[in-house]
C-alpha atoms as a PDB file:
ATOM      1  CA  UNK A   1      21.768   1.892 -13.464  1.00  0.00           C
ATOM      2  CA  UNK A   2      18.056   2.128 -12.803  1.00  0.00           C
ATOM      3  CA  UNK A   3      18.378  -0.246  -9.855  1.00  0.00           C
ATOM      4  CA  UNK A   4      21.293   1.668  -8.333  1.00  0.00           C
ATOM      5  CA  UNK A   5      19.520   5.006  -8.793  1.00  0.00           C
ATOM      6  CA  UNK A   6      16.371   3.665  -7.125  1.00  0.00           C
ATOM      7  CA  UNK A   7      18.351   2.129  -4.255  1.00  0.00           C
ATOM      8  CA  UNK A   8      20.187   5.368  -3.546  1.00  0.00           C
ATOM      9  CA  UNK A   9      17.003   7.435  -3.852  1.00  0.00           C
ATOM     10  CA  UNK A  10      15.209   5.175  -1.372  1.00  0.00           C
ATOM     11  CA  UNK A  11      18.236   5.256   0.910  1.00  0.00           C
ATOM     12  CA  UNK A  12      18.275   9.052   0.903  1.00  0.00           C
ATOM     13  CA  UNK A  13      14.515   9.179   1.468  1.00  0.00           C
ATOM     14  CA  UNK A  14      14.956   7.087   4.612  1.00  0.00           C
ATOM     15  CA  UNK A  15      18.127   8.794   5.845  1.00  0.00           C
ATOM     16  CA  UNK A  16      20.262   5.657   5.515  1.00  0.00           C
ATOM     17  CA  UNK A  17      23.602   7.450   5.005  1.00  0.00           C
ATOM     18  CA  UNK A  18      23.303   8.963   8.508  1.00  0.00           C
ATOM     19  CA  UNK A  19      23.309   5.622  10.341  1.00  0.00           C
ATOM     20  CA  UNK A  20      25.979   2.930  10.512  1.00  0.00           C
ATOM     21  CA  UNK A  21      23.513   0.236   9.490  1.00  0.00           C
ATOM     22  CA  UNK A  22      22.053   2.321   6.669  1.00  0.00           C
ATOM     23  CA  UNK A  23      25.447   3.248   5.258  1.00  0.00           C
ATOM     24  CA  UNK A  24      26.507  -0.404   5.479  1.00  0.00           C
ATOM     25  CA  UNK A  25      23.361  -1.463   3.617  1.00  0.00           C
ATOM     26  CA  UNK A  26      24.003   1.031   0.819  1.00  0.00           C
ATOM     27  CA  UNK A  27      27.627  -0.055   0.560  1.00  0.00           C
ATOM     28  CA  UNK A  28      26.566  -3.688   0.321  1.00  0.00           C
ATOM     29  CA  UNK A  29      23.940  -2.954  -2.318  1.00  0.00           C
ATOM     30  CA  UNK A  30      26.548  -1.061  -4.357  1.00  0.00           C
ATOM     31  CA  UNK A  31      29.116  -3.817  -3.658  1.00  0.00           C
ATOM     32  CA  UNK A  32      31.481  -1.149  -2.334  1.00  0.00           C
ATOM     33  CA  UNK A  33      32.118  -2.062   1.314  1.00  0.00           C
ATOM     34  CA  UNK A  34      35.777  -3.049   0.871  1.00  0.00           C
ATOM     35  CA  UNK A  35      36.518  -0.035  -1.319  1.00  0.00           C
ATOM     36  CA  UNK A  36      34.917   2.342   1.181  1.00  0.00           C
ATOM     37  CA  UNK A  37      36.878   0.900   4.096  1.00  0.00           C
ATOM     38  CA  UNK A  38      40.134   1.082   2.139  1.00  0.00           C
ATOM     39  CA  UNK A  39      39.614   4.677   1.019  1.00  0.00           C
ATOM     40  CA  UNK A  40      37.891   6.229   4.009  1.00  0.00           C
ATOM     41  CA  UNK A  41      39.077   4.123   6.979  1.00  0.00           C
ATOM     42  CA  UNK A  42      36.465   4.624   9.641  1.00  0.00           C
ATOM     43  CA  UNK A  43      35.034   7.922   8.386  1.00  0.00           C
ATOM     44  CA  UNK A  44      31.272   8.156   8.654  1.00  0.00           C
ATOM     45  CA  UNK A  45      30.467  11.361   6.872  1.00  0.00           C
ATOM     46  CA  UNK A  46      27.823  11.446   4.180  1.00  0.00           C
ATOM     47  CA  UNK A  47      29.954  13.142   1.512  1.00  0.00           C
ATOM     48  CA  UNK A  48      32.646  10.419   1.218  1.00  0.00           C
ATOM     49  CA  UNK A  49      29.930   7.770   1.080  1.00  0.00           C
ATOM     50  CA  UNK A  50      28.018   9.583  -1.651  1.00  0.00           C
ATOM     51  CA  UNK A  51      31.234  10.326  -3.523  1.00  0.00           C
ATOM     52  CA  UNK A  52      31.994   6.600  -3.715  1.00  0.00           C
ATOM     53  CA  UNK A  53      28.445   5.661  -4.722  1.00  0.00           C
ATOM     54  CA  UNK A  54      27.927   8.462  -7.244  1.00  0.00           C
ATOM     55  CA  UNK A  55      31.169  10.075  -8.477  1.00  0.00           C
ATOM     56  CA  UNK A  56      33.977   7.502  -8.171  1.00  0.00           C
ATOM     57  CA  UNK A  57      34.986   6.637 -11.739  1.00  0.00           C
ATOM     58  CA  UNK A  58      37.102   3.707 -10.510  1.00  0.00           C
ATOM     59  CA  UNK A  59      34.314   1.941  -8.621  1.00  0.00           C
ATOM     60  CA  UNK A  60      32.416  -0.370 -10.999  1.00  0.00           C
ATOM     61  CA  UNK A  61      29.164   0.138  -9.087  1.00  0.00           C
ATOM     62  CA  UNK A  62      29.269   3.915  -8.838  1.00  0.00           C
ATOM     63  CA  UNK A  63      26.691   5.698 -10.919  1.00  0.00           C
ATOM     64  CA  UNK A  64      29.414   7.625 -12.790  1.00  0.00           C
ATOM     65  CA  UNK A  65      31.236   4.421 -13.778  1.00  0.00           C
ATOM     66  CA  UNK A  66      28.008   2.693 -14.793  1.00  0.00           C
ATOM     67  CA  UNK A  67      26.894   5.705 -16.866  1.00  0.00           C
ATOM     68  CA  UNK A  68      30.220   5.909 -18.711  1.00  0.00           C
ATOM     69  CA  UNK A  69      30.247   2.175 -19.368  1.00  0.00           C
ATOM     70  CA  UNK A  70      26.613   2.222 -20.491  1.00  0.00           C
ATOM     71  CA  UNK A  71      27.305   4.998 -22.998  1.00  0.00           C
ATOM     72  CA  UNK A  72      30.318   3.139 -24.402  1.00  0.00           C
ATOM     73  CA  UNK A  73      28.419  -0.144 -24.669  1.00  0.00           C
ATOM     74  CA  UNK A  74      25.483   1.604 -26.335  1.00  0.00           C
ATOM     75  CA  UNK A  75      27.810   3.082 -28.960  1.00  0.00           C
ATOM     76  CA  UNK A  76      29.352  -0.332 -29.578  1.00  0.00           C
ATOM     77  CA  UNK A  77      25.981  -2.103 -29.692  1.00  0.00           C
ATOM     78  CA  UNK A  78      24.598   0.352 -32.242  1.00  0.00           C
ATOM     79  CA  UNK A  79      27.763   0.844 -34.271  1.00  0.00           C
ATOM     80  CA  UNK A  80      25.700   0.381 -37.453  1.00  0.00           C
ATOM     81  CA  UNK A  81      23.742   3.511 -36.479  1.00  0.00           C
ATOM     82  CA  UNK A  82      26.265   5.785 -34.733  1.00  0.00           C
ATOM     83  CA  UNK A  83      24.137   8.932 -34.963  1.00  0.00           C
ATOM     84  CA  UNK A  84      21.265   7.281 -33.108  1.00  0.00           C
ATOM     85  CA  UNK A  85      23.610   5.833 -30.475  1.00  0.00           C
ATOM     86  CA  UNK A  86      25.388   9.147 -29.953  1.00  0.00           C
ATOM     87  CA  UNK A  87      22.104  11.043 -29.654  1.00  0.00           C
ATOM     88  CA  UNK A  88      21.010   8.668 -26.887  1.00  0.00           C
ATOM     89  CA  UNK A  89      24.420   8.701 -25.206  1.00  0.00           C
ATOM     90  CA  UNK A  90      24.301  12.498 -25.020  1.00  0.00           C
ATOM     91  CA  UNK A  91      20.846  12.390 -23.392  1.00  0.00           C
ATOM     92  CA  UNK A  92      21.898  10.016 -20.629  1.00  0.00           C
ATOM     93  CA  UNK A  93      22.805  11.355 -17.187  1.00  0.00           C
ATOM     94  CA  UNK A  94      26.313  12.355 -16.178  1.00  0.00           C
ATOM     95  CA  UNK A  95      26.460  11.564 -12.443  1.00  0.00           C
ATOM     96  CA  UNK A  96      30.084  12.706 -12.242  1.00  0.00           C
ATOM     97  CA  UNK A  97      28.779  16.280 -12.556  1.00  0.00           C
ATOM     98  CA  UNK A  98      26.041  16.033  -9.939  1.00  0.00           C
ATOM     99  CA  UNK A  99      26.461  18.173  -6.837  1.00  0.00           C
ATOM    100  CA  UNK A 100      26.486  16.025  -3.711  1.00  0.00           C
ATOM    101  CA  UNK A 101      25.149  17.179  -0.341  1.00  0.00           C
ATOM    102  CA  UNK A 102      27.734  17.407   2.424  1.00  0.00           C
ATOM    103  CA  UNK A 103      25.110  16.211   4.879  1.00  0.00           C
ATOM    104  CA  UNK A 104      21.503  15.125   4.857  1.00  0.00           C
ATOM    105  CA  UNK A 105      20.682  18.386   6.640  1.00  0.00           C
ATOM    106  CA  UNK A 106      21.230  20.184   3.318  1.00  0.00           C
ATOM    107  CA  UNK A 107      17.674  19.473   2.216  1.00  0.00           C
ATOM    108  CA  UNK A 108      17.946  21.445  -1.010  1.00  0.00           C
ATOM    109  CA  UNK A 109      21.010  19.491  -2.179  1.00  0.00           C
ATOM    110  CA  UNK A 110      19.451  16.176  -1.115  1.00  0.00           C
ATOM    111  CA  UNK A 111      16.269  17.052  -3.043  1.00  0.00           C
ATOM    112  CA  UNK A 112      18.326  17.937  -6.139  1.00  0.00           C
ATOM    113  CA  UNK A 113      20.215  14.641  -5.931  1.00  0.00           C
ATOM    114  CA  UNK A 114      16.993  12.693  -5.458  1.00  0.00           C
ATOM    115  CA  UNK A 115      15.482  14.450  -8.483  1.00  0.00           C
ATOM    116  CA  UNK A 116      18.548  13.524 -10.563  1.00  0.00           C
ATOM    117  CA  UNK A 117      18.187   9.910  -9.415  1.00  0.00           C
ATOM    118  CA  UNK A 118      14.490   9.887 -10.328  1.00  0.00           C
ATOM    119  CA  UNK A 119      15.199  11.341 -13.772  1.00  0.00           C
ATOM    120  CA  UNK A 120      17.923   8.727 -14.240  1.00  0.00           C
ATOM    121  CA  UNK A 121      15.462   5.912 -13.541  1.00  0.00           C
ATOM    122  CA  UNK A 122      13.029   7.307 -16.099  1.00  0.00           C
ATOM    123  CA  UNK A 123      15.813   7.736 -18.657  1.00  0.00           C
ATOM    124  CA  UNK A 124      16.893   4.123 -18.209  1.00  0.00           C
ATOM    125  CA  UNK A 125      13.353   2.927 -18.926  1.00  0.00           C
ATOM    126  CA  UNK A 126      13.254   5.090 -22.049  1.00  0.00           C
ATOM    127  CA  UNK A 127      16.639   3.817 -23.188  1.00  0.00           C
ATOM    128  CA  UNK A 128      15.589   0.214 -22.653  1.00  0.00           C
ATOM    129  CA  UNK A 129      12.482   0.730 -24.783  1.00  0.00           C
ATOM    130  CA  UNK A 130      14.462   2.558 -27.477  1.00  0.00           C
ATOM    131  CA  UNK A 131      17.097  -0.190 -27.662  1.00  0.00           C
ATOM    132  CA  UNK A 132      14.447  -2.892 -27.891  1.00  0.00           C
ATOM    133  CA  UNK A 133      12.553  -1.076 -30.615  1.00  0.00           C
ATOM    134  CA  UNK A 134      15.561   0.120 -32.628  1.00  0.00           C
ATOM    135  CA  UNK A 135      17.909  -2.826 -32.336  1.00  0.00           C
ATOM    136  CA  UNK A 136      15.858  -5.906 -31.534  1.00  0.00           C
ATOM    137  CA  UNK A 137      12.397  -5.474 -33.058  1.00  0.00           C
ATOM    138  CA  UNK A 138      12.046  -7.696 -36.110  1.00  0.00           C
ATOM    139  CA  UNK A 139       8.953  -6.009 -37.465  1.00  0.00           C
ATOM    140  CA  UNK A 140       7.996  -2.399 -37.663  1.00  0.00           C
ATOM    141  CA  UNK A 141       5.287  -1.128 -35.359  1.00  0.00           C
ATOM    142  CA  UNK A 142       3.455  -0.097 -38.544  1.00  0.00           C
ATOM    143  CA  UNK A 143       2.785  -3.777 -39.209  1.00  0.00           C
ATOM    144  CA  UNK A 144       1.151  -4.410 -35.850  1.00  0.00           C
ATOM    145  CA  UNK A 145      -2.475  -3.940 -37.033  1.00  0.00           C
ATOM    146  CA  UNK A 146      -1.938  -6.407 -39.885  1.00  0.00           C
ATOM    147  CA  UNK A 147      -0.319  -8.899 -37.524  1.00  0.00           C
ATOM    148  CA  UNK A 148      -3.259  -8.595 -35.131  1.00  0.00           C
ATOM    149  CA  UNK A 149      -5.701  -9.095 -38.023  1.00  0.00           C
ATOM    150  CA  UNK A 150      -3.799 -12.169 -39.243  1.00  0.00           C
ATOM    151  CA  UNK A 151      -3.799 -13.684 -35.771  1.00  0.00           C
ATOM    152  CA  UNK A 152      -7.506 -13.030 -35.295  1.00  0.00           C
ATOM    153  CA  UNK A 153      -8.149 -14.860 -38.567  1.00  0.00           C
ATOM    154  CA  UNK A 154      -6.226 -17.917 -37.393  1.00  0.00           C
ATOM    155  CA  UNK A 155      -2.842 -17.166 -38.939  1.00  0.00           C
ATOM    156  CA  UNK A 156       0.407 -16.684 -37.046  1.00  0.00           C
ATOM    157  CA  UNK A 157      -0.335 -18.651 -33.890  1.00  0.00           C
ATOM    158  CA  UNK A 158      -3.377 -16.702 -32.692  1.00  0.00           C
ATOM    159  CA  UNK A 159      -6.614 -18.168 -31.347  1.00  0.00           C
ATOM    160  CA  UNK A 160      -8.636 -20.012 -33.985  1.00  0.00           C
END
């Protein structure tokens, strides 16, 4: 989700949805070219493009689909700690509710979308760190000083 949010943010920053080549690049990066052609046959407006990339719950590369799937997978991954998983799931973005600009001329709406994309990227980094620490760390961070001391004394694979 972080990658897709960054791609769309960069695309908006450079006005890609307004050009044929830019729109095609975004569609390719979101793996949505065939879907776009099937749904919007030849239309080149910004809103249908953004709808497919952000809101379309049936497109497996849209931000809304990825967010929903991510929340469900997080709940399943942390089923031993459902309160923690649900708290994180509730904090994650809901792209299906984002307001999309009808054109890139609507600078206020574009700025709001870009801010949502930026926040999404930051949230994904935070979620990644939280998952690693909560679900995959084998020692508590409280033990880190002792581990460092043991390694410095030649125990645990450190320099001797």
